[in-house]
Amino acid sequence: MTKVTVSLDPVVVDPVRQDVAEGKATSVSAWLNDAGRTRVEGEDLALVLAELFDDTGGPLSEQELVQGRQRLALAEQR
């Protein structure tokens, strides 16, 4: 882990602290780490989908969906 200092708007930090108080996260750091991971994984998914659409130029065929699922499974293993 790398320690960093962040500044958050109250509209963000208040719900985060509430989640910690309710046991939905072990700490503010853990909550932010999970949020960051979700964003990175979402960007990976968006990249894979964009590449598939670029390759096909349109709606995905069943074979392309299978290939996409395979690529996502590989990305999740990283």
PDB file of N, CA and C in Angstrom:
ATOM      1  N   MET A   1       0.831  -1.181   0.000  1.00  0.00           N
ATOM      2  CA  MET A   1       0.000   0.000   0.000  1.00  0.00           C
ATOM      3  C   MET A   1       0.875   1.243   0.000  1.00  0.00           C
ATOM      4  N   THR A   2       0.342   2.286  -0.605  1.00  0.00           N
ATOM      5  CA  THR A   2       0.993   3.586  -0.619  1.00  0.00           C
ATOM      6  C   THR A   2       0.086   4.571   0.091  1.00  0.00           C
ATOM      7  N   LYS A   3       0.632   5.308   1.015  1.00  0.00           N
ATOM      8  CA  LYS A   3      -0.152   6.288   1.755  1.00  0.00           C
ATOM      9  C   LYS A   3      -0.190   7.602   0.974  1.00  0.00           C
ATOM     10  N   VAL A   4      -1.400   8.172   0.846  1.00  0.00           N
ATOM     11  CA  VAL A   4      -1.579   9.458   0.182  1.00  0.00           C
ATOM     12  C   VAL A   4      -2.529  10.306   1.027  1.00  0.00           C
ATOM     13  N   THR A   5      -2.505  11.589   0.786  1.00  0.00           N
ATOM     14  CA  THR A   5      -3.430  12.510   1.438  1.00  0.00           C
ATOM     15  C   THR A   5      -4.409  12.995   0.383  1.00  0.00           C
ATOM     16  N   VAL A   6      -5.694  12.995   0.724  1.00  0.00           N
ATOM     17  CA  VAL A   6      -6.710  13.445  -0.225  1.00  0.00           C
ATOM     18  C   VAL A   6      -7.629  14.463   0.448  1.00  0.00           C
ATOM     19  N   SER A   7      -8.251  15.277  -0.373  1.00  0.00           N
ATOM     20  CA  SER A   7      -9.273  16.221   0.093  1.00  0.00           C
ATOM     21  C   SER A   7     -10.571  15.849  -0.598  1.00  0.00           C
ATOM     22  N   LEU A   8     -11.640  15.755   0.184  1.00  0.00           N
ATOM     23  CA  LEU A   8     -12.936  15.355  -0.361  1.00  0.00           C
ATOM     24  C   LEU A   8     -13.997  16.384   0.005  1.00  0.00           C
ATOM     25  N   ASP A   9     -14.942  16.582  -0.896  1.00  0.00           N
ATOM     26  CA  ASP A   9     -16.088  17.435  -0.611  1.00  0.00           C
ATOM     27  C   ASP A   9     -16.940  16.765   0.466  1.00  0.00           C
ATOM     28  N   PRO A  10     -17.598  17.555   1.295  1.00  0.00           N
ATOM     29  CA  PRO A  10     -18.473  16.976   2.322  1.00  0.00           C
ATOM     30  C   PRO A  10     -19.551  16.063   1.742  1.00  0.00           C
ATOM     31  N   VAL A  11     -20.036  16.381   0.545  1.00  0.00           N
ATOM     32  CA  VAL A  11     -21.079  15.531  -0.052  1.00  0.00           C
ATOM     33  C   VAL A  11     -20.547  14.139  -0.372  1.00  0.00           C
ATOM     34  N   VAL A  12     -19.230  14.000  -0.448  1.00  0.00           N
ATOM     35  CA  VAL A  12     -18.606  12.699  -0.684  1.00  0.00           C
ATOM     36  C   VAL A  12     -18.209  12.056   0.638  1.00  0.00           C
ATOM     37  N   VAL A  13     -17.531  12.815   1.475  1.00  0.00           N
ATOM     38  CA  VAL A  13     -16.961  12.232   2.685  1.00  0.00           C
ATOM     39  C   VAL A  13     -18.029  11.847   3.716  1.00  0.00           C
ATOM     40  N   ASP A  14     -19.112  12.590   3.798  1.00  0.00           N
ATOM     41  CA  ASP A  14     -20.147  12.263   4.784  1.00  0.00           C
ATOM     42  C   ASP A  14     -20.748  10.870   4.538  1.00  0.00           C
ATOM     43  N   PRO A  15     -21.170  10.547   3.314  1.00  0.00           N
ATOM     44  CA  PRO A  15     -21.679   9.188   3.074  1.00  0.00           C
ATOM     45  C   PRO A  15     -20.610   8.101   3.263  1.00  0.00           C
ATOM     46  N   VAL A  16     -19.359   8.433   2.947  1.00  0.00           N
ATOM     47  CA  VAL A  16     -18.281   7.463   3.147  1.00  0.00           C
ATOM     48  C   VAL A  16     -18.147   7.158   4.637  1.00  0.00           C
ATOM     49  N   ARG A  17     -18.110   8.188   5.448  1.00  0.00           N
ATOM     50  CA  ARG A  17     -18.011   7.986   6.893  1.00  0.00           C
ATOM     51  C   ARG A  17     -19.218   7.222   7.431  1.00  0.00           C
ATOM     52  N   GLN A  18     -20.372   7.479   6.866  1.00  0.00           N
ATOM     53  CA  GLN A  18     -21.583   6.748   7.266  1.00  0.00           C
ATOM     54  C   GLN A  18     -21.433   5.264   6.937  1.00  0.00           C
ATOM     55  N   ASP A  19     -20.915   4.955   5.750  1.00  0.00           N
ATOM     56  CA  ASP A  19     -20.684   3.553   5.376  1.00  0.00           C
ATOM     57  C   ASP A  19     -19.719   2.880   6.348  1.00  0.00           C
ATOM     58  N   VAL A  20     -18.679   3.595   6.748  1.00  0.00           N
ATOM     59  CA  VAL A  20     -17.723   3.044   7.714  1.00  0.00           C
ATOM     60  C   VAL A  20     -18.419   2.806   9.057  1.00  0.00           C
ATOM     61  N   ALA A  21     -19.202   3.782   9.500  1.00  0.00           N
ATOM     62  CA  ALA A  21     -19.912   3.655  10.781  1.00  0.00           C
ATOM     63  C   ALA A  21     -20.884   2.482  10.767  1.00  0.00           C
ATOM     64  N   GLU A  22     -21.475   2.206   9.598  1.00  0.00           N
ATOM     65  CA  GLU A  22     -22.439   1.109   9.476  1.00  0.00           C
ATOM     66  C   GLU A  22     -21.770  -0.227   9.179  1.00  0.00           C
ATOM     67  N   GLY A  23     -20.429  -0.216   9.079  1.00  0.00           N
ATOM     68  CA  GLY A  23     -19.705  -1.461   8.829  1.00  0.00           C
ATOM     69  C   GLY A  23     -19.680  -1.889   7.375  1.00  0.00           C
ATOM     70  N   LYS A  24     -20.084  -1.011   6.473  1.00  0.00           N
ATOM     71  CA  LYS A  24     -20.049  -1.338   5.044  1.00  0.00           C
ATOM     72  C   LYS A  24     -18.632  -1.268   4.492  1.00  0.00           C
ATOM     73  N   ALA A  25     -17.734  -0.618   5.215  1.00  0.00           N
ATOM     74  CA  ALA A  25     -16.307  -0.545   4.879  1.00  0.00           C
ATOM     75  C   ALA A  25     -15.546  -0.509   6.193  1.00  0.00           C
ATOM     76  N   THR A  26     -14.324  -1.014   6.165  1.00  0.00           N
ATOM     77  CA  THR A  26     -13.544  -1.047   7.398  1.00  0.00           C
ATOM     78  C   THR A  26     -12.917   0.300   7.737  1.00  0.00           C
ATOM     79  N   SER A  27     -12.742   1.147   6.729  1.00  0.00           N
ATOM     80  CA  SER A  27     -12.142   2.469   6.937  1.00  0.00           C
ATOM     81  C   SER A  27     -12.419   3.328   5.713  1.00  0.00           C
ATOM     82  N   VAL A  28     -12.159   4.619   5.860  1.00  0.00           N
ATOM     83  CA  VAL A  28     -12.283   5.525   4.716  1.00  0.00           C
ATOM     84  C   VAL A  28     -11.299   5.096   3.632  1.00  0.00           C
ATOM     85  N   SER A  29     -10.096   4.731   4.025  1.00  0.00           N
ATOM     86  CA  SER A  29      -9.095   4.282   3.047  1.00  0.00           C
ATOM     87  C   SER A  29      -9.584   3.057   2.282  1.00  0.00           C
ATOM     88  N   ALA A  30     -10.163   2.098   2.992  1.00  0.00           N
ATOM     89  CA  ALA A  30     -10.665   0.885   2.337  1.00  0.00           C
ATOM     90  C   ALA A  30     -11.795   1.232   1.373  1.00  0.00           C
ATOM     91  N   TRP A  31     -12.672   2.132   1.784  1.00  0.00           N
ATOM     92  CA  TRP A  31     -13.781   2.543   0.927  1.00  0.00           C
ATOM     93  C   TRP A  31     -13.259   3.185  -0.357  1.00  0.00           C
ATOM     94  N   LEU A  32     -12.300   4.123  -0.196  1.00  0.00           N
ATOM     95  CA  LEU A  32     -11.735   4.805  -1.359  1.00  0.00           C
ATOM     96  C   LEU A  32     -10.974   3.832  -2.260  1.00  0.00           C
ATOM     97  N   ASN A  33     -10.274   2.884  -1.668  1.00  0.00           N
ATOM     98  CA  ASN A  33      -9.561   1.888  -2.458  1.00  0.00           C
ATOM     99  C   ASN A  33     -10.537   1.061  -3.292  1.00  0.00           C
ATOM    100  N   ASP A  34     -11.643   0.637  -2.676  1.00  0.00           N
ATOM    101  CA  ASP A  34     -12.661  -0.123  -3.416  1.00  0.00           C
ATOM    102  C   ASP A  34     -13.268   0.717  -4.537  1.00  0.00           C
ATOM    103  N   ALA A  35     -13.538   1.989  -4.249  1.00  0.00           N
ATOM    104  CA  ALA A  35     -14.101   2.872  -5.277  1.00  0.00           C
ATOM    105  C   ALA A  35     -13.124   3.047  -6.433  1.00  0.00           C
ATOM    106  N   GLY A  36     -11.850   3.222  -6.119  1.00  0.00           N
ATOM    107  CA  GLY A  36     -10.836   3.359  -7.161  1.00  0.00           C
ATOM    108  C   GLY A  36     -10.712   2.101  -7.992  1.00  0.00           C
ATOM    109  N   ARG A  37     -10.718   0.941  -7.329  1.00  0.00           N
ATOM    110  CA  ARG A  37     -10.628  -0.330  -8.050  1.00  0.00           C
ATOM    111  C   ARG A  37     -11.820  -0.503  -8.991  1.00  0.00           C
ATOM    112  N   THR A  38     -13.002  -0.140  -8.506  1.00  0.00           N
ATOM    113  CA  THR A  38     -14.202  -0.250  -9.337  1.00  0.00           C
ATOM    114  C   THR A  38     -14.086   0.624 -10.570  1.00  0.00           C
ATOM    115  N   ARG A  39     -13.554   1.807 -10.404  1.00  0.00           N
ATOM    116  CA  ARG A  39     -13.390   2.710 -11.554  1.00  0.00           C
ATOM    117  C   ARG A  39     -12.395   2.154 -12.555  1.00  0.00           C
ATOM    118  N   VAL A  40     -11.261   1.659 -12.066  1.00  0.00           N
ATOM    119  CA  VAL A  40     -10.247   1.087 -12.959  1.00  0.00           C
ATOM    120  C   VAL A  40     -10.818  -0.104 -13.717  1.00  0.00           C
ATOM    121  N   GLU A  41     -11.512  -0.984 -13.005  1.00  0.00           N
ATOM    122  CA  GLU A  41     -12.098  -2.151 -13.662  1.00  0.00           C
ATOM    123  C   GLU A  41     -13.155  -1.734 -14.673  1.00  0.00           C
ATOM    124  N   GLY A  42     -13.922  -0.687 -14.354  1.00  0.00           N
ATOM    125  CA  GLY A  42     -14.920  -0.177 -15.283  1.00  0.00           C
ATOM    126  C   GLY A  42     -14.282   0.391 -16.537  1.00  0.00           C
ATOM    127  N   GLU A  43     -13.154   1.051 -16.372  1.00  0.00           N
ATOM    128  CA  GLU A  43     -12.441   1.586 -17.531  1.00  0.00           C
ATOM    129  C   GLU A  43     -11.879   0.446 -18.376  1.00  0.00           C
ATOM    130  N   ASP A  44     -11.411  -0.627 -17.729  1.00  0.00           N
ATOM    131  CA  ASP A  44     -10.944  -1.802 -18.474  1.00  0.00           C
ATOM    132  C   ASP A  44     -12.080  -2.386 -19.297  1.00  0.00           C
ATOM    133  N   LEU A  45     -13.252  -2.491 -18.685  1.00  0.00           N
ATOM    134  CA  LEU A  45     -14.412  -3.021 -19.394  1.00  0.00           C
ATOM    135  C   LEU A  45     -14.775  -2.123 -20.571  1.00  0.00           C
ATOM    136  N   ALA A  46     -14.766  -0.820 -20.348  1.00  0.00           N
ATOM    137  CA  ALA A  46     -15.093   0.122 -21.423  1.00  0.00           C
ATOM    138  C   ALA A  46     -14.103  -0.004 -22.572  1.00  0.00           C
ATOM    139  N   LEU A  47     -12.825  -0.198 -22.255  1.00  0.00           N
ATOM    140  CA  LEU A  47     -11.815  -0.374 -23.298  1.00  0.00           C
ATOM    141  C   LEU A  47     -12.075  -1.628 -24.119  1.00  0.00           C
ATOM    142  N   VAL A  48     -12.356  -2.730 -23.433  1.00  0.00           N
ATOM    143  CA  VAL A  48     -12.625  -3.996 -24.129  1.00  0.00           C
ATOM    144  C   VAL A  48     -13.830  -3.841 -25.043  1.00  0.00           C
ATOM    145  N   LEU A  49     -14.893  -3.233 -24.530  1.00  0.00           N
ATOM    146  CA  LEU A  49     -16.097  -3.057 -25.352  1.00  0.00           C
ATOM    147  C   LEU A  49     -15.836  -2.132 -26.530  1.00  0.00           C
ATOM    148  N   ALA A  50     -15.099  -1.061 -26.308  1.00  0.00           N
ATOM    149  CA  ALA A  50     -14.778  -0.143 -27.403  1.00  0.00           C
ATOM    150  C   ALA A  50     -13.971  -0.847 -28.488  1.00  0.00           C
ATOM    151  N   GLU A  51     -13.007  -1.658 -28.065  1.00  0.00           N
ATOM    152  CA  GLU A  51     -12.209  -2.402 -29.045  1.00  0.00           C
ATOM    153  C   GLU A  51     -13.077  -3.365 -29.843  1.00  0.00           C
ATOM    154  N   LEU A  52     -14.012  -4.033 -29.162  1.00  0.00           N
ATOM    155  CA  LEU A  52     -14.901  -4.962 -29.868  1.00  0.00           C
ATOM    156  C   LEU A  52     -15.770  -4.221 -30.877  1.00  0.00           C
ATOM    157  N   PHE A  53     -16.326  -3.087 -30.475  1.00  0.00           N
ATOM    158  CA  PHE A  53     -17.155  -2.311 -31.400  1.00  0.00           C
ATOM    159  C   PHE A  53     -16.324  -1.786 -32.565  1.00  0.00           C
ATOM    160  N   ASP A  54     -15.091  -1.366 -32.294  1.00  0.00           N
ATOM    161  CA  ASP A  54     -14.211  -0.903 -33.367  1.00  0.00           C
ATOM    162  C   ASP A  54     -13.905  -2.029 -34.341  1.00  0.00           C
ATOM    163  N   ASP A  55     -13.682  -3.230 -33.807  1.00  0.00           N
ATOM    164  CA  ASP A  55     -13.354  -4.386 -34.650  1.00  0.00           C
ATOM    165  C   ASP A  55     -14.532  -4.798 -35.531  1.00  0.00           C
ATOM    166  N   THR A  56     -15.750  -4.659 -35.000  1.00  0.00           N
ATOM    167  CA  THR A  56     -16.912  -5.176 -35.722  1.00  0.00           C
ATOM    168  C   THR A  56     -17.689  -4.102 -36.458  1.00  0.00           C
ATOM    169  N   GLY A  57     -17.643  -2.887 -35.956  1.00  0.00           N
ATOM    170  CA  GLY A  57     -18.383  -1.809 -36.580  1.00  0.00           C
ATOM    171  C   GLY A  57     -19.869  -1.852 -36.318  1.00  0.00           C
ATOM    172  N   GLY A  58     -20.312  -2.649 -35.367  1.00  0.00           N
ATOM    173  CA  GLY A  58     -21.743  -2.702 -35.104  1.00  0.00           C
ATOM    174  C   GLY A  58     -22.084  -3.638 -33.972  1.00  0.00           C
ATOM    175  N   PRO A  59     -23.353  -4.074 -33.936  1.00  0.00           N
ATOM    176  CA  PRO A  59     -23.791  -4.978 -32.871  1.00  0.00           C
ATOM    177  C   PRO A  59     -22.950  -6.256 -32.859  1.00  0.00           C
ATOM    178  N   LEU A  60     -22.770  -6.808 -31.663  1.00  0.00           N
ATOM    179  CA  LEU A  60     -21.922  -7.975 -31.511  1.00  0.00           C
ATOM    180  C   LEU A  60     -22.658  -9.267 -31.871  1.00  0.00           C
ATOM    181  N   SER A  61     -21.951 -10.143 -32.576  1.00  0.00           N
ATOM    182  CA  SER A  61     -22.488 -11.472 -32.862  1.00  0.00           C
ATOM    183  C   SER A  61     -22.283 -12.352 -31.631  1.00  0.00           C
ATOM    184  N   GLU A  62     -22.863 -13.523 -31.622  1.00  0.00           N
ATOM    185  CA  GLU A  62     -22.696 -14.441 -30.496  1.00  0.00           C
ATOM    186  C   GLU A  62     -21.220 -14.797 -30.313  1.00  0.00           C
ATOM    187  N   GLN A  63     -20.505 -15.018 -31.411  1.00  0.00           N
ATOM    188  CA  GLN A  63     -19.073 -15.342 -31.337  1.00  0.00           C
ATOM    189  C   GLN A  63     -18.293 -14.180 -30.716  1.00  0.00           C
ATOM    190  N   GLU A  64     -18.636 -12.959 -31.085  1.00  0.00           N
ATOM    191  CA  GLU A  64     -17.950 -11.791 -30.532  1.00  0.00           C
ATOM    192  C   GLU A  64     -18.252 -11.626 -29.043  1.00  0.00           C
ATOM    193  N   LEU A  65     -19.489 -11.940 -28.640  1.00  0.00           N
ATOM    194  CA  LEU A  65     -19.826 -11.894 -27.224  1.00  0.00           C
ATOM    195  C   LEU A  65     -19.000 -12.906 -26.434  1.00  0.00           C
ATOM    196  N   VAL A  66     -18.831 -14.103 -26.993  1.00  0.00           N
ATOM    197  CA  VAL A  66     -18.006 -15.124 -26.348  1.00  0.00           C
ATOM    198  C   VAL A  66     -16.572 -14.627 -26.219  1.00  0.00           C
ATOM    199  N   GLN A  67     -16.038 -14.057 -27.286  1.00  0.00           N
ATOM    200  CA  GLN A  67     -14.675 -13.521 -27.252  1.00  0.00           C
ATOM    201  C   GLN A  67     -14.563 -12.403 -26.218  1.00  0.00           C
ATOM    202  N   GLY A  68     -15.564 -11.555 -26.149  1.00  0.00           N
ATOM    203  CA  GLY A  68     -15.563 -10.467 -25.176  1.00  0.00           C
ATOM    204  C   GLY A  68     -15.565 -10.993 -23.749  1.00  0.00           C
ATOM    205  N   ARG A  69     -16.376 -12.015 -23.496  1.00  0.00           N
ATOM    206  CA  ARG A  69     -16.407 -12.612 -22.158  1.00  0.00           C
ATOM    207  C   ARG A  69     -15.058 -13.221 -21.800  1.00  0.00           C
ATOM    208  N   GLN A  70     -14.415 -13.848 -22.771  1.00  0.00           N
ATOM    209  CA  GLN A  70     -13.095 -14.433 -22.538  1.00  0.00           C
ATOM    210  C   GLN A  70     -12.076 -13.349 -22.205  1.00  0.00           C
ATOM    211  N   ARG A  71     -12.115 -12.248 -22.937  1.00  0.00           N
ATOM    212  CA  ARG A  71     -11.174 -11.154 -22.696  1.00  0.00           C
ATOM    213  C   ARG A  71     -11.436 -10.510 -21.334  1.00  0.00           C
ATOM    214  N   LEU A  72     -12.695 -10.374 -20.962  1.00  0.00           N
ATOM    215  CA  LEU A  72     -13.015  -9.815 -19.645  1.00  0.00           C
ATOM    216  C   LEU A  72     -12.539 -10.741 -18.536  1.00  0.00           C
ATOM    217  N   ALA A  73     -12.701 -12.048 -18.730  1.00  0.00           N
ATOM    218  CA  ALA A  73     -12.241 -12.996 -17.729  1.00  0.00           C
ATOM    219  C   ALA A  73     -10.718 -12.870 -17.540  1.00  0.00           C
ATOM    220  N   LEU A  74     -10.005 -12.695 -18.627  1.00  0.00           N
ATOM    221  CA  LEU A  74      -8.560 -12.507 -18.526  1.00  0.00           C
ATOM    222  C   LEU A  74      -8.220 -11.204 -17.818  1.00  0.00           C
ATOM    223  N   ALA A  75      -8.974 -10.156 -18.115  1.00  0.00           N
ATOM    224  CA  ALA A  75      -8.713  -8.856 -17.487  1.00  0.00           C
ATOM    225  C   ALA A  75      -8.987  -8.929 -15.977  1.00  0.00           C
ATOM    226  N   GLU A  76      -9.990  -9.703 -15.584  1.00  0.00           N
ATOM    227  CA  GLU A  76     -10.312  -9.841 -14.154  1.00  0.00           C
ATOM    228  C   GLU A  76      -9.236 -10.598 -13.405  1.00  0.00           C
ATOM    229  N   GLN A  77      -8.478 -11.433 -14.103  1.00  0.00           N
ATOM    230  CA  GLN A  77      -7.427 -12.206 -13.446  1.00  0.00           C
ATOM    231  C   GLN A  77      -6.212 -11.350 -13.113  1.00  0.00           C
ATOM    232  N   ARG A  78      -6.116 -10.160 -13.765  1.00  0.00           N
ATOM    233  CA  ARG A  78      -4.959  -9.287 -13.504  1.00  0.00           C
ATOM    234  C   ARG A  78      -4.992  -8.703 -12.159  1.00  0.00           C
TER     235      ARG A  78
END
